[in-house]
Amino acid sequence: MPLPLFVSETIHHEAIDWARRVSANGGTISTTTLRAVSDFCAAADAGAFRSALYRLNLFCGGNVSGALVPLYRGPTFGGTTYGSTTDTNVNFVSADFVEAGATRGLKGNGTNKYLNTGYAANTLAASSTHMGLGIVTANTLTSARTGIGAYNGSTLSLEIAMRNGFASAPCCYFSRFATSTDRFGDDVGTGAATLAAGNIVASWPTMYRNGSASGATATTSQNYSSAHSLFVFANNNSGSSVLGYTDARFGWYSIGSTMTVAQVSAFSKAVAAFNTALGM
């Protein structure tokens, strides 16, 4: 996609790269969105959290095709990439996507819609991993749901999941293994049936909601040994089936290395500023 000279001079180079990939995938880029993505990229550099983002999708780009294109696919521009070139779309349609406004993002249906990132769950050690989700609207839970996840069909998992009615499991938790000591979570709505909206960053061993630590911390970890691809909006069950579909609306997701408290704070502020720029 050719860009005017003034755009190339004022827009962050990673935002320009993203816009070209969006256009090639059939998406569209408004001036407002391009500026918001560029400002996010600048904030990632200034906040020193860019290198923690191995894969990040802000779910923008004019339509579903554009929303499938991650902004980042590796911790450094031009370096090693992780996962598929685009998120593989399973059953999302145009009506599921809103780019701007109070309900921006992509919405699941709880039955058959998910994204396959192609990002292998064993890329990083358990204690070196973060995953994040922008939960746009309060989500009523009727069963266990998964925001991002892979599961080996037995006991081992790597996931951000949401549960209701379990006194031992927070409403939103990050699980590394099927034991409570490897699970850490958001204490907002513990055991309740509704997961509140917010920007969730699970950076071992702490979960953060809107930049603040929330819930219990993990005390042990166990690595996910298999190269199962992480799914968004559902859980990849050993590459052979899909579990825990969610009907939540997500404004973004991230996968990568652990962040410090300062990095989480800067990341959360950057995501909030991005959402504000798109009218949320």
C-alpha atoms as a PDB file:
ATOM      1  CA  MET A   1       0.000   0.000   0.000  1.00  0.00           C
ATOM      2  CA  PRO A   2       1.705   3.249  -1.058  1.00  0.00           C
ATOM      3  CA  LEU A   3       1.655   5.923   1.618  1.00  0.00           C
ATOM      4  CA  PRO A   4       2.058   9.679   1.135  1.00  0.00           C
ATOM      5  CA  LEU A   5       5.476  11.043   2.064  1.00  0.00           C
ATOM      6  CA  PHE A   6       4.106  13.017   5.013  1.00  0.00           C
ATOM      7  CA  VAL A   7       2.598   9.840   6.467  1.00  0.00           C
ATOM      8  CA  SER A   8       5.910   8.019   6.252  1.00  0.00           C
ATOM      9  CA  GLU A   9       7.565  10.892   8.080  1.00  0.00           C
ATOM     10  CA  THR A  10       5.065  11.154  10.927  1.00  0.00           C
ATOM     11  CA  ILE A  11       3.718   7.632  11.471  1.00  0.00           C
ATOM     12  CA  HIS A  12       5.700   5.010  13.403  1.00  0.00           C
ATOM     13  CA  HIS A  13       7.460   2.562  11.065  1.00  0.00           C
ATOM     14  CA  GLU A  14       5.787  -0.469  12.704  1.00  0.00           C
ATOM     15  CA  ALA A  15       2.362   1.110  12.183  1.00  0.00           C
ATOM     16  CA  ILE A  16       3.193   1.611   8.510  1.00  0.00           C
ATOM     17  CA  ASP A  17       4.275  -2.024   8.234  1.00  0.00           C
ATOM     18  CA  TRP A  18       1.027  -3.128   9.886  1.00  0.00           C
ATOM     19  CA  ALA A  19      -1.075  -0.929   7.565  1.00  0.00           C
ATOM     20  CA  ARG A  20       0.534  -2.452   4.503  1.00  0.00           C
ATOM     21  CA  ARG A  21      -0.151  -5.970   5.780  1.00  0.00           C
ATOM     22  CA  VAL A  22      -3.765  -5.039   6.591  1.00  0.00           C
ATOM     23  CA  SER A  23      -4.286  -3.683   3.094  1.00  0.00           C
ATOM     24  CA  ALA A  24      -2.773  -6.818   1.569  1.00  0.00           C
ATOM     25  CA  ASN A  25      -5.210  -8.940   3.599  1.00  0.00           C
ATOM     26  CA  GLY A  26      -8.260  -7.002   2.416  1.00  0.00           C
ATOM     27  CA  GLY A  27      -8.637  -4.645   5.379  1.00  0.00           C
ATOM     28  CA  THR A  28      -9.020  -0.884   5.363  1.00  0.00           C
ATOM     29  CA  ILE A  29      -7.189   1.765   7.382  1.00  0.00           C
ATOM     30  CA  SER A  30      -8.685   5.081   8.417  1.00  0.00           C
ATOM     31  CA  THR A  31      -6.526   8.057   9.366  1.00  0.00           C
ATOM     32  CA  THR A  32      -7.818   7.837  12.940  1.00  0.00           C
ATOM     33  CA  THR A  33      -6.938   4.175  13.288  1.00  0.00           C
ATOM     34  CA  LEU A  34      -3.497   4.566  11.724  1.00  0.00           C
ATOM     35  CA  ARG A  35      -2.671   7.430  14.078  1.00  0.00           C
ATOM     36  CA  ALA A  36      -3.925   5.446  17.094  1.00  0.00           C
ATOM     37  CA  VAL A  37      -1.793   2.423  16.120  1.00  0.00           C
ATOM     38  CA  SER A  38       1.215   4.681  15.576  1.00  0.00           C
ATOM     39  CA  ASP A  39       0.753   6.285  19.001  1.00  0.00           C
ATOM     40  CA  PHE A  40       0.533   2.819  20.566  1.00  0.00           C
ATOM     41  CA  CYS A  41       3.804   1.817  18.885  1.00  0.00           C
ATOM     42  CA  ALA A  42       5.478   4.961  20.190  1.00  0.00           C
ATOM     43  CA  ALA A  43       4.163   4.216  23.686  1.00  0.00           C
ATOM     44  CA  ALA A  44       5.484   0.643  23.457  1.00  0.00           C
ATOM     45  CA  ASP A  45       8.955   1.991  22.716  1.00  0.00           C
ATOM     46  CA  ALA A  46       8.795   4.700  25.392  1.00  0.00           C
ATOM     47  CA  GLY A  47       7.364   2.340  28.018  1.00  0.00           C
ATOM     48  CA  ALA A  48      10.018  -0.297  27.311  1.00  0.00           C
ATOM     49  CA  PHE A  49       7.450  -3.091  26.933  1.00  0.00           C
ATOM     50  CA  ARG A  50       7.800  -3.579  23.177  1.00  0.00           C
ATOM     51  CA  SER A  51      10.263  -6.483  23.576  1.00  0.00           C
ATOM     52  CA  ALA A  52       7.749  -8.384  25.748  1.00  0.00           C
ATOM     53  CA  LEU A  53       5.186  -8.527  22.949  1.00  0.00           C
ATOM     54  CA  TYR A  54       5.813 -11.597  20.808  1.00  0.00           C
ATOM     55  CA  ARG A  55       2.313 -11.389  19.334  1.00  0.00           C
ATOM     56  CA  LEU A  56      -0.223  -8.585  19.727  1.00  0.00           C
ATOM     57  CA  ASN A  57      -3.471  -7.917  17.894  1.00  0.00           C
ATOM     58  CA  LEU A  58      -5.432  -4.715  18.569  1.00  0.00           C
ATOM     59  CA  PHE A  59      -8.444  -5.904  16.513  1.00  0.00           C
ATOM     60  CA  CYS A  60      -8.685  -3.005  14.110  1.00  0.00           C
ATOM     61  CA  GLY A  61      -8.309  -2.533  10.376  1.00  0.00           C
ATOM     62  CA  GLY A  62     -11.762  -1.647   9.073  1.00  0.00           C
ATOM     63  CA  ASN A  63     -13.280  -5.114   8.794  1.00  0.00           C
ATOM     64  CA  VAL A  64     -12.812  -8.716   9.925  1.00  0.00           C
ATOM     65  CA  SER A  65     -10.063  -9.271   7.359  1.00  0.00           C
ATOM     66  CA  GLY A  66      -8.137  -6.314   8.761  1.00  0.00           C
ATOM     67  CA  ALA A  67      -8.758  -7.405  12.341  1.00  0.00           C
ATOM     68  CA  LEU A  68      -7.026 -10.724  11.654  1.00  0.00           C
ATOM     69  CA  VAL A  69      -3.665  -8.970  11.129  1.00  0.00           C
ATOM     70  CA  PRO A  70      -1.527  -8.706  14.291  1.00  0.00           C
ATOM     71  CA  LEU A  71       0.369  -5.487  14.893  1.00  0.00           C
ATOM     72  CA  TYR A  72       3.352  -7.405  16.289  1.00  0.00           C
ATOM     73  CA  ARG A  73       4.528 -10.933  15.470  1.00  0.00           C
ATOM     74  CA  GLY A  74       7.842 -10.865  17.304  1.00  0.00           C
ATOM     75  CA  PRO A  75       9.663  -9.004  20.095  1.00  0.00           C
ATOM     76  CA  THR A  76      11.730  -6.926  17.638  1.00  0.00           C
ATOM     77  CA  PHE A  77      10.870  -5.379  14.294  1.00  0.00           C
ATOM     78  CA  GLY A  78      12.426  -7.409  11.494  1.00  0.00           C
ATOM     79  CA  GLY A  79      13.479 -10.203  13.859  1.00  0.00           C
ATOM     80  CA  THR A  80      12.136 -13.689  14.549  1.00  0.00           C
ATOM     81  CA  THR A  81       8.364 -13.971  14.153  1.00  0.00           C
ATOM     82  CA  TYR A  82       5.983 -16.201  16.101  1.00  0.00           C
ATOM     83  CA  GLY A  83       2.738 -17.723  14.935  1.00  0.00           C
ATOM     84  CA  SER A  84       0.897 -17.387  11.655  1.00  0.00           C
ATOM     85  CA  THR A  85       1.088 -14.353   9.382  1.00  0.00           C
ATOM     86  CA  THR A  86      -2.538 -13.627  10.255  1.00  0.00           C
ATOM     87  CA  ASP A  87      -4.876 -15.105  12.837  1.00  0.00           C
ATOM     88  CA  THR A  88      -6.819 -17.937  11.233  1.00  0.00           C
ATOM     89  CA  ASN A  89     -10.507 -17.087  11.349  1.00  0.00           C
ATOM     90  CA  VAL A  90     -12.928 -19.834  12.323  1.00  0.00           C
ATOM     91  CA  ASN A  91     -16.545 -18.707  11.740  1.00  0.00           C
ATOM     92  CA  PHE A  92     -16.307 -14.982  12.562  1.00  0.00           C
ATOM     93  CA  VAL A  93     -18.363 -12.780  10.230  1.00  0.00           C
ATOM     94  CA  SER A  94     -18.571  -9.046   9.623  1.00  0.00           C
ATOM     95  CA  ALA A  95     -21.339  -8.556  12.192  1.00  0.00           C
ATOM     96  CA  ASP A  96     -18.999  -9.813  14.940  1.00  0.00           C
ATOM     97  CA  PHE A  97     -16.541  -6.938  14.497  1.00  0.00           C
ATOM     98  CA  VAL A  98     -16.762  -3.288  15.525  1.00  0.00           C
ATOM     99  CA  GLU A  99     -13.641  -1.173  15.048  1.00  0.00           C
ATOM    100  CA  ALA A 100     -14.590   1.961  16.975  1.00  0.00           C
ATOM    101  CA  GLY A 101     -16.943   3.044  19.734  1.00  0.00           C
ATOM    102  CA  ALA A 102     -18.038   1.795  23.127  1.00  0.00           C
ATOM    103  CA  THR A 103     -18.326  -1.828  21.991  1.00  0.00           C
ATOM    104  CA  ARG A 104     -15.265  -2.007  19.758  1.00  0.00           C
ATOM    105  CA  GLY A 105     -13.546  -5.333  19.166  1.00  0.00           C
ATOM    106  CA  LEU A 106     -14.368  -8.865  18.072  1.00  0.00           C
ATOM    107  CA  LYS A 107     -17.157 -10.908  19.690  1.00  0.00           C
ATOM    108  CA  GLY A 108     -17.324 -14.667  20.090  1.00  0.00           C
ATOM    109  CA  ASN A 109     -20.544 -16.676  20.263  1.00  0.00           C
ATOM    110  CA  GLY A 110     -19.698 -19.353  22.832  1.00  0.00           C
ATOM    111  CA  THR A 111     -20.256 -22.230  20.427  1.00  0.00           C
ATOM    112  CA  ASN A 112     -18.057 -22.345  17.311  1.00  0.00           C
ATOM    113  CA  LYS A 113     -16.018 -19.162  16.805  1.00  0.00           C
ATOM    114  CA  TYR A 114     -12.329 -18.790  17.586  1.00  0.00           C
ATOM    115  CA  LEU A 115      -8.993 -17.595  16.221  1.00  0.00           C
ATOM    116  CA  ASN A 116      -5.955 -19.814  15.721  1.00  0.00           C
ATOM    117  CA  THR A 117      -2.823 -17.734  16.334  1.00  0.00           C
ATOM    118  CA  GLY A 118      -0.318 -20.363  15.240  1.00  0.00           C
ATOM    119  CA  TYR A 119       1.741 -19.378  18.296  1.00  0.00           C
ATOM    120  CA  ALA A 120       3.165 -22.508  19.955  1.00  0.00           C
ATOM    121  CA  ALA A 121       2.295 -22.799  23.645  1.00  0.00           C
ATOM    122  CA  ASN A 122       5.783 -24.090  24.454  1.00  0.00           C
ATOM    123  CA  THR A 123       7.574 -21.066  22.958  1.00  0.00           C
ATOM    124  CA  LEU A 124       8.572 -19.705  26.371  1.00  0.00           C
ATOM    125  CA  ALA A 125       9.054 -21.262  29.791  1.00  0.00           C
ATOM    126  CA  ALA A 126       6.066 -21.059  32.099  1.00  0.00           C
ATOM    127  CA  SER A 127       7.681 -18.553  34.445  1.00  0.00           C
ATOM    128  CA  SER A 128       8.720 -16.368  31.486  1.00  0.00           C
ATOM    129  CA  THR A 129       5.300 -15.908  29.883  1.00  0.00           C
ATOM    130  CA  HIS A 130       2.572 -13.275  29.856  1.00  0.00           C
ATOM    131  CA  MET A 131      -0.809 -13.280  28.131  1.00  0.00           C
ATOM    132  CA  GLY A 132      -3.274 -10.429  28.003  1.00  0.00           C
ATOM    133  CA  LEU A 133      -6.877  -9.708  27.008  1.00  0.00           C
ATOM    134  CA  GLY A 134      -8.971  -6.603  26.614  1.00  0.00           C
ATOM    135  CA  ILE A 135     -12.414  -7.602  27.897  1.00  0.00           C
ATOM    136  CA  VAL A 136     -14.698  -4.966  26.386  1.00  0.00           C
ATOM    137  CA  THR A 137     -18.045  -5.691  28.032  1.00  0.00           C
ATOM    138  CA  ALA A 138     -18.990  -7.503  31.224  1.00  0.00           C
ATOM    139  CA  ASN A 139     -19.326 -11.175  30.391  1.00  0.00           C
ATOM    140  CA  THR A 140     -21.979 -13.371  31.986  1.00  0.00           C
ATOM    141  CA  LEU A 141     -20.637 -16.871  32.496  1.00  0.00           C
ATOM    142  CA  THR A 142     -22.727 -20.030  32.289  1.00  0.00           C
ATOM    143  CA  SER A 143     -19.756 -22.415  32.280  1.00  0.00           C
ATOM    144  CA  ALA A 144     -15.976 -22.458  32.008  1.00  0.00           C
ATOM    145  CA  ARG A 145     -14.795 -20.239  29.158  1.00  0.00           C
ATOM    146  CA  THR A 146     -11.325 -19.658  27.704  1.00  0.00           C
ATOM    147  CA  GLY A 147      -9.971 -16.339  26.468  1.00  0.00           C
ATOM    148  CA  ILE A 148      -6.608 -17.660  25.248  1.00  0.00           C
ATOM    149  CA  GLY A 149      -5.530 -21.239  25.685  1.00  0.00           C
ATOM    150  CA  ALA A 150      -4.041 -24.613  24.900  1.00  0.00           C
ATOM    151  CA  TYR A 151      -4.714 -27.838  26.798  1.00  0.00           C
ATOM    152  CA  ASN A 152      -2.993 -31.210  26.442  1.00  0.00           C
ATOM    153  CA  GLY A 153      -6.154 -33.241  27.021  1.00  0.00           C
ATOM    154  CA  SER A 154      -5.054 -34.454  30.435  1.00  0.00           C
ATOM    155  CA  THR A 155      -3.665 -32.083  33.051  1.00  0.00           C
ATOM    156  CA  LEU A 156      -1.400 -29.507  31.445  1.00  0.00           C
ATOM    157  CA  SER A 157      -2.750 -26.144  30.337  1.00  0.00           C
ATOM    158  CA  LEU A 158      -1.612 -22.657  29.419  1.00  0.00           C
ATOM    159  CA  GLU A 159      -4.611 -20.373  29.423  1.00  0.00           C
ATOM    160  CA  ILE A 160      -6.463 -17.310  30.525  1.00  0.00           C
ATOM    161  CA  ALA A 161      -9.813 -18.750  31.483  1.00  0.00           C
ATOM    162  CA  MET A 162     -13.031 -17.583  33.135  1.00  0.00           C
ATOM    163  CA  ARG A 163     -15.134 -19.677  35.479  1.00  0.00           C
ATOM    164  CA  ASN A 164     -18.271 -19.273  37.547  1.00  0.00           C
ATOM    165  CA  GLY A 165     -19.494 -21.029  40.668  1.00  0.00           C
ATOM    166  CA  PHE A 166     -16.129 -22.390  41.787  1.00  0.00           C
ATOM    167  CA  ALA A 167     -15.073 -21.197  45.221  1.00  0.00           C
ATOM    168  CA  SER A 168     -11.500 -22.330  44.543  1.00  0.00           C
ATOM    169  CA  ALA A 169     -11.185 -20.619  41.158  1.00  0.00           C
ATOM    170  CA  PRO A 170     -11.331 -16.846  40.593  1.00  0.00           C
ATOM    171  CA  CYS A 171     -13.695 -15.490  37.997  1.00  0.00           C
ATOM    172  CA  CYS A 172     -10.723 -14.889  35.725  1.00  0.00           C
ATOM    173  CA  TYR A 173      -7.483 -16.803  36.180  1.00  0.00           C
ATOM    174  CA  PHE A 174      -4.257 -17.683  34.432  1.00  0.00           C
ATOM    175  CA  SER A 175      -3.515 -21.380  34.730  1.00  0.00           C
ATOM    176  CA  ARG A 176      -0.213 -23.070  33.996  1.00  0.00           C
ATOM    177  CA  PHE A 177      -1.097 -26.461  35.396  1.00  0.00           C
ATOM    178  CA  ALA A 178      -4.085 -28.146  36.988  1.00  0.00           C
ATOM    179  CA  THR A 179      -3.111 -27.263  40.557  1.00  0.00           C
ATOM    180  CA  SER A 180      -4.068 -24.215  42.563  1.00  0.00           C
ATOM    181  CA  THR A 181      -0.441 -23.235  43.229  1.00  0.00           C
ATOM    182  CA  ASP A 182       0.155 -22.799  39.508  1.00  0.00           C
ATOM    183  CA  ARG A 183      -2.999 -20.739  39.090  1.00  0.00           C
ATOM    184  CA  PHE A 184      -3.202 -17.030  39.779  1.00  0.00           C
ATOM    185  CA  GLY A 185      -6.153 -14.805  39.252  1.00  0.00           C
ATOM    186  CA  ASP A 186      -8.312 -11.757  39.367  1.00  0.00           C
ATOM    187  CA  ASP A 187     -10.223 -11.465  42.611  1.00  0.00           C
ATOM    188  CA  VAL A 188     -12.963  -9.312  41.093  1.00  0.00           C
ATOM    189  CA  GLY A 189     -16.063 -11.498  41.038  1.00  0.00           C
ATOM    190  CA  THR A 190     -14.422 -14.563  42.578  1.00  0.00           C
ATOM    191  CA  GLY A 191     -16.801 -17.503  42.199  1.00  0.00           C
ATOM    192  CA  ALA A 192     -19.407 -15.220  40.635  1.00  0.00           C
ATOM    193  CA  ALA A 193     -21.209 -15.501  37.317  1.00  0.00           C
ATOM    194  CA  THR A 194     -20.054 -12.229  35.738  1.00  0.00           C
ATOM    195  CA  LEU A 195     -16.584 -11.216  34.615  1.00  0.00           C
ATOM    196  CA  ALA A 196     -16.176  -7.443  34.678  1.00  0.00           C
ATOM    197  CA  ALA A 197     -14.790  -5.548  31.704  1.00  0.00           C
ATOM    198  CA  GLY A 198     -11.162  -4.469  31.853  1.00  0.00           C
ATOM    199  CA  ASN A 199      -7.661  -4.883  30.507  1.00  0.00           C
ATOM    200  CA  ILE A 200      -6.217  -8.129  31.905  1.00  0.00           C
ATOM    201  CA  VAL A 201      -2.478  -8.828  31.839  1.00  0.00           C
ATOM    202  CA  ALA A 202      -1.391 -12.142  33.329  1.00  0.00           C
ATOM    203  CA  SER A 203       2.366 -11.860  33.775  1.00  0.00           C
ATOM    204  CA  TRP A 204       3.720 -14.700  35.870  1.00  0.00           C
ATOM    205  CA  PRO A 205       3.253 -14.846  38.839  1.00  0.00           C
ATOM    206  CA  THR A 206       0.703 -11.988  39.027  1.00  0.00           C
ATOM    207  CA  MET A 207      -2.483 -11.005  37.249  1.00  0.00           C
ATOM    208  CA  TYR A 208      -3.156  -7.322  36.672  1.00  0.00           C
ATOM    209  CA  ARG A 209      -6.460  -5.595  35.967  1.00  0.00           C
ATOM    210  CA  ASN A 210      -6.109  -2.158  34.362  1.00  0.00           C
ATOM    211  CA  GLY A 211      -2.501  -1.972  35.513  1.00  0.00           C
ATOM    212  CA  SER A 212      -3.053  -2.978  39.148  1.00  0.00           C
ATOM    213  CA  ALA A 213      -2.281  -6.360  40.708  1.00  0.00           C
ATOM    214  CA  SER A 214      -5.469  -8.338  41.283  1.00  0.00           C
ATOM    215  CA  GLY A 215      -5.904 -11.624  43.110  1.00  0.00           C
ATOM    216  CA  ALA A 216      -3.609 -14.328  44.400  1.00  0.00           C
ATOM    217  CA  THR A 217      -0.140 -14.964  42.953  1.00  0.00           C
ATOM    218  CA  ALA A 218       1.295 -18.272  41.757  1.00  0.00           C
ATOM    219  CA  THR A 219       3.931 -20.070  43.798  1.00  0.00           C
ATOM    220  CA  THR A 220       4.964 -22.832  41.379  1.00  0.00           C
ATOM    221  CA  SER A 221       5.093 -23.347  37.628  1.00  0.00           C
ATOM    222  CA  GLN A 222       5.376 -26.157  35.128  1.00  0.00           C
ATOM    223  CA  ASN A 223       6.243 -25.722  31.476  1.00  0.00           C
ATOM    224  CA  TYR A 224       3.806 -26.531  28.689  1.00  0.00           C
ATOM    225  CA  SER A 225       5.795 -29.108  26.742  1.00  0.00           C
ATOM    226  CA  SER A 226       3.793 -29.392  23.512  1.00  0.00           C
ATOM    227  CA  ALA A 227       3.773 -27.066  20.497  1.00  0.00           C
ATOM    228  CA  HIS A 228      -0.019 -26.759  20.457  1.00  0.00           C
ATOM    229  CA  SER A 229      -1.144 -23.481  18.928  1.00  0.00           C
ATOM    230  CA  LEU A 230      -2.765 -21.011  21.292  1.00  0.00           C
ATOM    231  CA  PHE A 231      -6.367 -20.211  20.380  1.00  0.00           C
ATOM    232  CA  VAL A 232      -8.230 -16.992  21.220  1.00  0.00           C
ATOM    233  CA  PHE A 233     -11.935 -17.191  22.191  1.00  0.00           C
ATOM    234  CA  ALA A 234     -11.514 -20.924  22.941  1.00  0.00           C
ATOM    235  CA  ASN A 235      -9.087 -23.603  24.127  1.00  0.00           C
ATOM    236  CA  ASN A 236      -7.060 -25.783  21.758  1.00  0.00           C
ATOM    237  CA  ASN A 237      -7.444 -29.324  23.093  1.00  0.00           C
ATOM    238  CA  SER A 238      -4.286 -31.099  21.859  1.00  0.00           C
ATOM    239  CA  GLY A 239      -4.898 -29.931  18.307  1.00  0.00           C
ATOM    240  CA  SER A 240      -7.774 -32.402  17.958  1.00  0.00           C
ATOM    241  CA  SER A 241     -10.784 -30.570  19.419  1.00  0.00           C
ATOM    242  CA  VAL A 242     -11.865 -27.220  20.804  1.00  0.00           C
ATOM    243  CA  LEU A 243     -13.077 -26.528  24.344  1.00  0.00           C
ATOM    244  CA  GLY A 244     -14.387 -23.605  26.382  1.00  0.00           C
ATOM    245  CA  TYR A 245     -15.687 -21.286  23.669  1.00  0.00           C
ATOM    246  CA  THR A 246     -16.422 -17.794  24.990  1.00  0.00           C
ATOM    247  CA  ASP A 247     -19.053 -15.314  23.851  1.00  0.00           C
ATOM    248  CA  ALA A 248     -17.080 -12.359  25.241  1.00  0.00           C
ATOM    249  CA  ARG A 249     -16.054  -9.332  23.175  1.00  0.00           C
ATOM    250  CA  PHE A 250     -12.299  -8.728  23.169  1.00  0.00           C
ATOM    251  CA  GLY A 251     -10.636  -5.501  22.114  1.00  0.00           C
ATOM    252  CA  TRP A 252      -7.129  -6.969  21.912  1.00  0.00           C
ATOM    253  CA  TYR A 253      -4.932  -9.880  22.937  1.00  0.00           C
ATOM    254  CA  SER A 254      -1.223 -10.228  23.638  1.00  0.00           C
ATOM    255  CA  ILE A 255       1.214 -13.110  24.122  1.00  0.00           C
ATOM    256  CA  GLY A 256       4.881 -12.893  25.037  1.00  0.00           C
ATOM    257  CA  SER A 257       7.412 -12.693  27.821  1.00  0.00           C
ATOM    258  CA  THR A 258       6.831 -11.582  31.404  1.00  0.00           C
ATOM    259  CA  MET A 259       6.625  -7.888  32.207  1.00  0.00           C
ATOM    260  CA  THR A 260       7.738  -5.893  35.215  1.00  0.00           C
ATOM    261  CA  VAL A 261       5.200  -3.895  37.211  1.00  0.00           C
ATOM    262  CA  ALA A 262       6.335  -0.747  35.393  1.00  0.00           C
ATOM    263  CA  GLN A 263       5.960  -2.402  31.995  1.00  0.00           C
ATOM    264  CA  VAL A 264       2.467  -3.666  32.813  1.00  0.00           C
ATOM    265  CA  SER A 265       1.476  -0.176  33.930  1.00  0.00           C
ATOM    266  CA  ALA A 266       2.815   1.405  30.728  1.00  0.00           C
ATOM    267  CA  PHE A 267       1.187  -1.284  28.582  1.00  0.00           C
ATOM    268  CA  SER A 268      -2.189  -0.847  30.261  1.00  0.00           C
ATOM    269  CA  LYS A 269      -2.030   2.935  29.790  1.00  0.00           C
ATOM    270  CA  ALA A 270      -1.122   2.508  26.126  1.00  0.00           C
ATOM    271  CA  VAL A 271      -4.053   0.137  25.528  1.00  0.00           C
ATOM    272  CA  ALA A 272      -6.423   2.514  27.326  1.00  0.00           C
ATOM    273  CA  ALA A 273      -5.182   5.441  25.203  1.00  0.00           C
ATOM    274  CA  PHE A 274      -5.655   3.376  22.040  1.00  0.00           C
ATOM    275  CA  ASN A 275      -9.234   2.543  23.017  1.00  0.00           C
ATOM    276  CA  THR A 276      -9.930   6.198  23.807  1.00  0.00           C
ATOM    277  CA  ALA A 277      -8.588   7.240  20.421  1.00  0.00           C
ATOM    278  CA  LEU A 278     -11.101   4.875  18.803  1.00  0.00           C
ATOM    279  CA  GLY A 279     -13.980   6.290  20.817  1.00  0.00           C
ATOM    280  CA  MET A 280     -14.300   3.627  23.474  1.00  0.00           C
END
